[in-house]
Amino acid sequence: MSKKDKLIKRLKSLPKDFTFDEAKTLLEYLGYELGNKGKTSGSRVMFKNASLNSHIILHKPHPRNELLNYQLKELLAILEEEGLI
């Protein structure tokens, strides 16, 4: 099982300790690139996939590194809608 497959399986289980770095790695495997929303974006970051004309906005968690449950559910729903997982 590849690292990408392991991350997908882990995301689908909605763990409480899924980190922003894991989400970033998974999105990069799926063709997304990290960008920011501009100077006033604060902790918001945008992942863009030019080939799908799709974007995902996440708040980079601080001071913790783990994503919240609602963020995992939104991320999972978007990736399933796009047919990526």
N, C-alpha and C. Protein backbone atom coordinates (compact mmCIF):
# COMPACT_ATOMS: atom_id res chain seq x y z
N MET A 1 0.84 -1.16 0.00
CA MET A 1 0.00 0.00 0.00
C MET A 1 0.90 1.24 0.00
N SER A 2 0.63 2.17 -0.92
CA SER A 2 1.46 3.37 -1.03
C SER A 2 1.12 4.37 0.08
N LYS A 3 1.98 5.35 0.24
CA LYS A 3 1.76 6.37 1.25
C LYS A 3 0.46 7.13 0.95
N LYS A 4 0.20 7.38 -0.32
CA LYS A 4 -1.03 8.06 -0.73
C LYS A 4 -2.25 7.25 -0.30
N ASP A 5 -2.24 5.96 -0.55
CA ASP A 5 -3.35 5.09 -0.17
C ASP A 5 -3.54 5.05 1.35
N LYS A 6 -2.42 5.04 2.08
CA LYS A 6 -2.50 5.03 3.54
C LYS A 6 -3.12 6.32 4.06
N LEU A 7 -2.74 7.46 3.45
CA LEU A 7 -3.31 8.74 3.86
C LEU A 7 -4.80 8.82 3.54
N ILE A 8 -5.21 8.29 2.40
CA ILE A 8 -6.63 8.28 2.04
C ILE A 8 -7.41 7.43 3.04
N LYS A 9 -6.89 6.26 3.35
CA LYS A 9 -7.55 5.38 4.31
C LYS A 9 -7.65 6.05 5.68
N ARG A 10 -6.58 6.71 6.07
CA ARG A 10 -6.56 7.41 7.36
C ARG A 10 -7.57 8.56 7.37
N LEU A 11 -7.64 9.34 6.30
CA LEU A 11 -8.60 10.44 6.22
C LEU A 11 -10.03 9.92 6.31
N LYS A 12 -10.31 8.83 5.62
CA LYS A 12 -11.67 8.27 5.63
C LYS A 12 -12.10 7.80 7.01
N SER A 13 -11.14 7.46 7.87
CA SER A 13 -11.47 7.02 9.22
C SER A 13 -11.73 8.20 10.16
N LEU A 14 -11.51 9.42 9.69
CA LEU A 14 -11.72 10.66 10.45
C LEU A 14 -11.05 10.63 11.83
N PRO A 15 -9.73 10.43 11.85
CA PRO A 15 -9.03 10.37 13.14
C PRO A 15 -8.94 11.76 13.79
N LYS A 16 -8.84 11.79 15.07
CA LYS A 16 -8.75 13.06 15.79
C LYS A 16 -7.35 13.68 15.69
N ASP A 17 -6.36 12.90 15.22
CA ASP A 17 -5.00 13.41 15.16
C ASP A 17 -4.47 13.56 13.73
N PHE A 18 -5.37 13.78 12.75
CA PHE A 18 -4.96 13.99 11.36
C PHE A 18 -4.41 15.41 11.27
N THR A 19 -3.15 15.53 10.87
CA THR A 19 -2.48 16.83 10.91
C THR A 19 -2.63 17.59 9.59
N PHE A 20 -2.37 18.89 9.69
CA PHE A 20 -2.37 19.74 8.50
C PHE A 20 -1.31 19.27 7.52
N ASP A 21 -0.17 18.84 8.03
CA ASP A 21 0.92 18.37 7.16
C ASP A 21 0.50 17.11 6.39
N GLU A 22 -0.25 16.23 7.04
CA GLU A 22 -0.75 15.04 6.35
C GLU A 22 -1.73 15.44 5.24
N ALA A 23 -2.61 16.40 5.54
CA ALA A 23 -3.56 16.88 4.54
C ALA A 23 -2.83 17.51 3.36
N LYS A 24 -1.81 18.30 3.67
CA LYS A 24 -1.01 18.95 2.62
C LYS A 24 -0.34 17.90 1.73
N THR A 25 0.25 16.89 2.34
CA THR A 25 0.91 15.82 1.58
C THR A 25 -0.09 15.09 0.70
N LEU A 26 -1.25 14.75 1.24
CA LEU A 26 -2.27 14.05 0.46
C LEU A 26 -2.75 14.90 -0.71
N LEU A 27 -3.02 16.18 -0.46
CA LEU A 27 -3.48 17.05 -1.53
C LEU A 27 -2.43 17.22 -2.62
N GLU A 28 -1.17 17.26 -2.24
CA GLU A 28 -0.10 17.34 -3.24
C GLU A 28 -0.04 16.06 -4.07
N TYR A 29 -0.26 14.90 -3.45
CA TYR A 29 -0.33 13.65 -4.21
C TYR A 29 -1.47 13.67 -5.21
N LEU A 30 -2.56 14.38 -4.87
CA LEU A 30 -3.75 14.42 -5.72
C LEU A 30 -3.71 15.56 -6.73
N GLY A 31 -2.58 16.27 -6.82
CA GLY A 31 -2.40 17.28 -7.85
C GLY A 31 -2.69 18.71 -7.41
N TYR A 32 -2.89 18.93 -6.13
CA TYR A 32 -3.14 20.29 -5.64
C TYR A 32 -1.83 20.96 -5.27
N GLU A 33 -1.81 22.30 -5.43
CA GLU A 33 -0.65 23.09 -5.05
C GLU A 33 -1.05 24.07 -3.97
N LEU A 34 -0.18 24.29 -3.01
CA LEU A 34 -0.44 25.19 -1.90
C LEU A 34 -0.23 26.63 -2.32
N GLY A 35 -1.17 27.47 -1.98
CA GLY A 35 -1.05 28.91 -2.20
C GLY A 35 -1.64 29.61 -1.00
N ASN A 36 -1.57 30.94 -0.97
CA ASN A 36 -2.26 31.64 0.11
C ASN A 36 -3.32 32.55 -0.49
N LYS A 37 -4.14 33.10 0.33
CA LYS A 37 -5.25 33.91 -0.14
C LYS A 37 -4.89 35.38 -0.23
N GLY A 38 -3.64 35.73 -0.02
CA GLY A 38 -3.22 37.13 -0.07
C GLY A 38 -2.66 37.58 1.27
N LYS A 39 -2.31 38.85 1.34
CA LYS A 39 -1.68 39.39 2.54
C LYS A 39 -2.59 39.33 3.75
N THR A 40 -3.88 39.45 3.56
CA THR A 40 -4.80 39.50 4.69
C THR A 40 -5.48 38.17 4.96
N SER A 41 -4.94 37.10 4.44
CA SER A 41 -5.60 35.79 4.58
C SER A 41 -5.41 35.18 5.96
N GLY A 42 -4.46 35.66 6.73
CA GLY A 42 -4.22 35.09 8.05
C GLY A 42 -3.80 33.64 7.94
N SER A 43 -4.52 32.76 8.61
CA SER A 43 -4.14 31.35 8.61
C SER A 43 -4.83 30.57 7.50
N ARG A 44 -5.61 31.24 6.66
CA ARG A 44 -6.28 30.54 5.56
C ARG A 44 -5.30 30.26 4.43
N VAL A 45 -5.33 29.06 3.94
CA VAL A 45 -4.51 28.68 2.79
C VAL A 45 -5.41 28.04 1.74
N MET A 46 -5.01 28.17 0.49
CA MET A 46 -5.79 27.61 -0.60
C MET A 46 -4.95 26.59 -1.34
N PHE A 47 -5.54 25.44 -1.58
CA PHE A 47 -4.92 24.42 -2.41
C PHE A 47 -5.64 24.46 -3.75
N LYS A 48 -4.88 24.63 -4.84
CA LYS A 48 -5.47 24.73 -6.18
C LYS A 48 -5.07 23.53 -7.02
N ASN A 49 -6.04 23.04 -7.79
CA ASN A 49 -5.78 21.99 -8.77
C ASN A 49 -6.21 22.55 -10.12
N ALA A 50 -5.24 22.98 -10.91
CA ALA A 50 -5.52 23.63 -12.18
C ALA A 50 -6.19 22.69 -13.17
N SER A 51 -5.80 21.42 -13.18
CA SER A 51 -6.36 20.48 -14.16
C SER A 51 -7.84 20.21 -13.89
N LEU A 52 -8.26 20.29 -12.63
CA LEU A 52 -9.67 20.07 -12.29
C LEU A 52 -10.43 21.39 -12.12
N ASN A 53 -9.70 22.52 -12.19
CA ASN A 53 -10.28 23.83 -11.94
C ASN A 53 -10.98 23.83 -10.58
N SER A 54 -10.28 23.33 -9.59
CA SER A 54 -10.83 23.15 -8.25
C SER A 54 -9.92 23.79 -7.22
N HIS A 55 -10.50 24.23 -6.13
CA HIS A 55 -9.70 24.74 -5.02
C HIS A 55 -10.34 24.33 -3.69
N ILE A 56 -9.47 24.22 -2.69
CA ILE A 56 -9.87 23.85 -1.34
C ILE A 56 -9.25 24.87 -0.40
N ILE A 57 -10.08 25.46 0.46
CA ILE A 57 -9.59 26.42 1.44
C ILE A 57 -9.63 25.77 2.82
N LEU A 58 -8.49 25.83 3.50
CA LEU A 58 -8.38 25.31 4.86
C LEU A 58 -7.78 26.38 5.76
N HIS A 59 -8.16 26.35 7.01
CA HIS A 59 -7.50 27.18 8.01
C HIS A 59 -6.36 26.35 8.58
N LYS A 60 -5.18 26.91 8.51
CA LYS A 60 -4.02 26.22 9.09
C LYS A 60 -4.16 26.30 10.60
N PRO A 61 -4.24 25.15 11.27
CA PRO A 61 -4.48 25.18 12.71
C PRO A 61 -3.29 25.72 13.49
N HIS A 62 -3.60 26.44 14.56
CA HIS A 62 -2.56 26.95 15.43
C HIS A 62 -3.17 27.13 16.81
N PRO A 63 -2.54 26.88 17.88
CA PRO A 63 -1.16 26.42 18.00
C PRO A 63 -1.02 24.93 17.76
N ARG A 64 -2.15 24.22 17.70
CA ARG A 64 -2.06 22.77 17.45
C ARG A 64 -1.77 22.54 15.96
N ASN A 65 -1.54 21.31 15.59
CA ASN A 65 -1.29 20.98 14.19
C ASN A 65 -2.40 20.09 13.62
N GLU A 66 -3.31 19.61 14.48
CA GLU A 66 -4.35 18.69 14.04
C GLU A 66 -5.55 19.46 13.48
N LEU A 67 -6.12 18.92 12.40
CA LEU A 67 -7.33 19.50 11.84
C LEU A 67 -8.52 19.10 12.70
N LEU A 68 -9.52 19.96 12.72
CA LEU A 68 -10.73 19.67 13.47
C LEU A 68 -11.63 18.73 12.67
N ASN A 69 -12.57 18.10 13.35
CA ASN A 69 -13.43 17.11 12.72
C ASN A 69 -14.21 17.68 11.53
N TYR A 70 -14.74 18.91 11.67
CA TYR A 70 -15.49 19.49 10.56
C TYR A 70 -14.60 19.73 9.34
N GLN A 71 -13.32 20.05 9.57
CA GLN A 71 -12.40 20.25 8.46
C GLN A 71 -12.14 18.94 7.72
N LEU A 72 -12.01 17.86 8.48
CA LEU A 72 -11.79 16.55 7.86
C LEU A 72 -13.00 16.15 7.03
N LYS A 73 -14.20 16.37 7.56
CA LYS A 73 -15.42 16.01 6.84
C LYS A 73 -15.57 16.82 5.55
N GLU A 74 -15.27 18.13 5.62
CA GLU A 74 -15.34 18.98 4.43
C GLU A 74 -14.32 18.53 3.39
N LEU A 75 -13.11 18.26 3.84
CA LEU A 75 -12.04 17.83 2.93
C LEU A 75 -12.42 16.51 2.26
N LEU A 76 -12.92 15.58 3.03
CA LEU A 76 -13.34 14.28 2.50
C LEU A 76 -14.47 14.44 1.49
N ALA A 77 -15.45 15.29 1.80
CA ALA A 77 -16.58 15.51 0.90
C ALA A 77 -16.13 16.12 -0.43
N ILE A 78 -15.24 17.08 -0.38
CA ILE A 78 -14.76 17.72 -1.61
C ILE A 78 -13.99 16.73 -2.47
N LEU A 79 -13.11 15.96 -1.85
CA LEU A 79 -12.31 15.00 -2.61
C LEU A 79 -13.19 13.90 -3.22
N GLU A 80 -14.26 13.50 -2.51
CA GLU A 80 -15.17 12.52 -3.05
C GLU A 80 -16.00 13.10 -4.21
N GLU A 81 -16.41 14.37 -4.07
CA GLU A 81 -17.16 15.04 -5.15
C GLU A 81 -16.32 15.13 -6.42
N GLU A 82 -15.05 15.42 -6.26
CA GLU A 82 -14.15 15.55 -7.41
C GLU A 82 -13.77 14.19 -7.99
N GLY A 83 -14.13 13.11 -7.30
CA GLY A 83 -13.82 11.77 -7.78
C GLY A 83 -12.36 11.38 -7.58
N LEU A 84 -11.70 12.03 -6.64
CA LEU A 84 -10.29 11.74 -6.42
C LEU A 84 -10.07 10.60 -5.43
N ILE A 85 -11.06 10.35 -4.58
CA ILE A 85 -10.95 9.23 -3.62
C ILE A 85 -12.25 8.48 -3.58
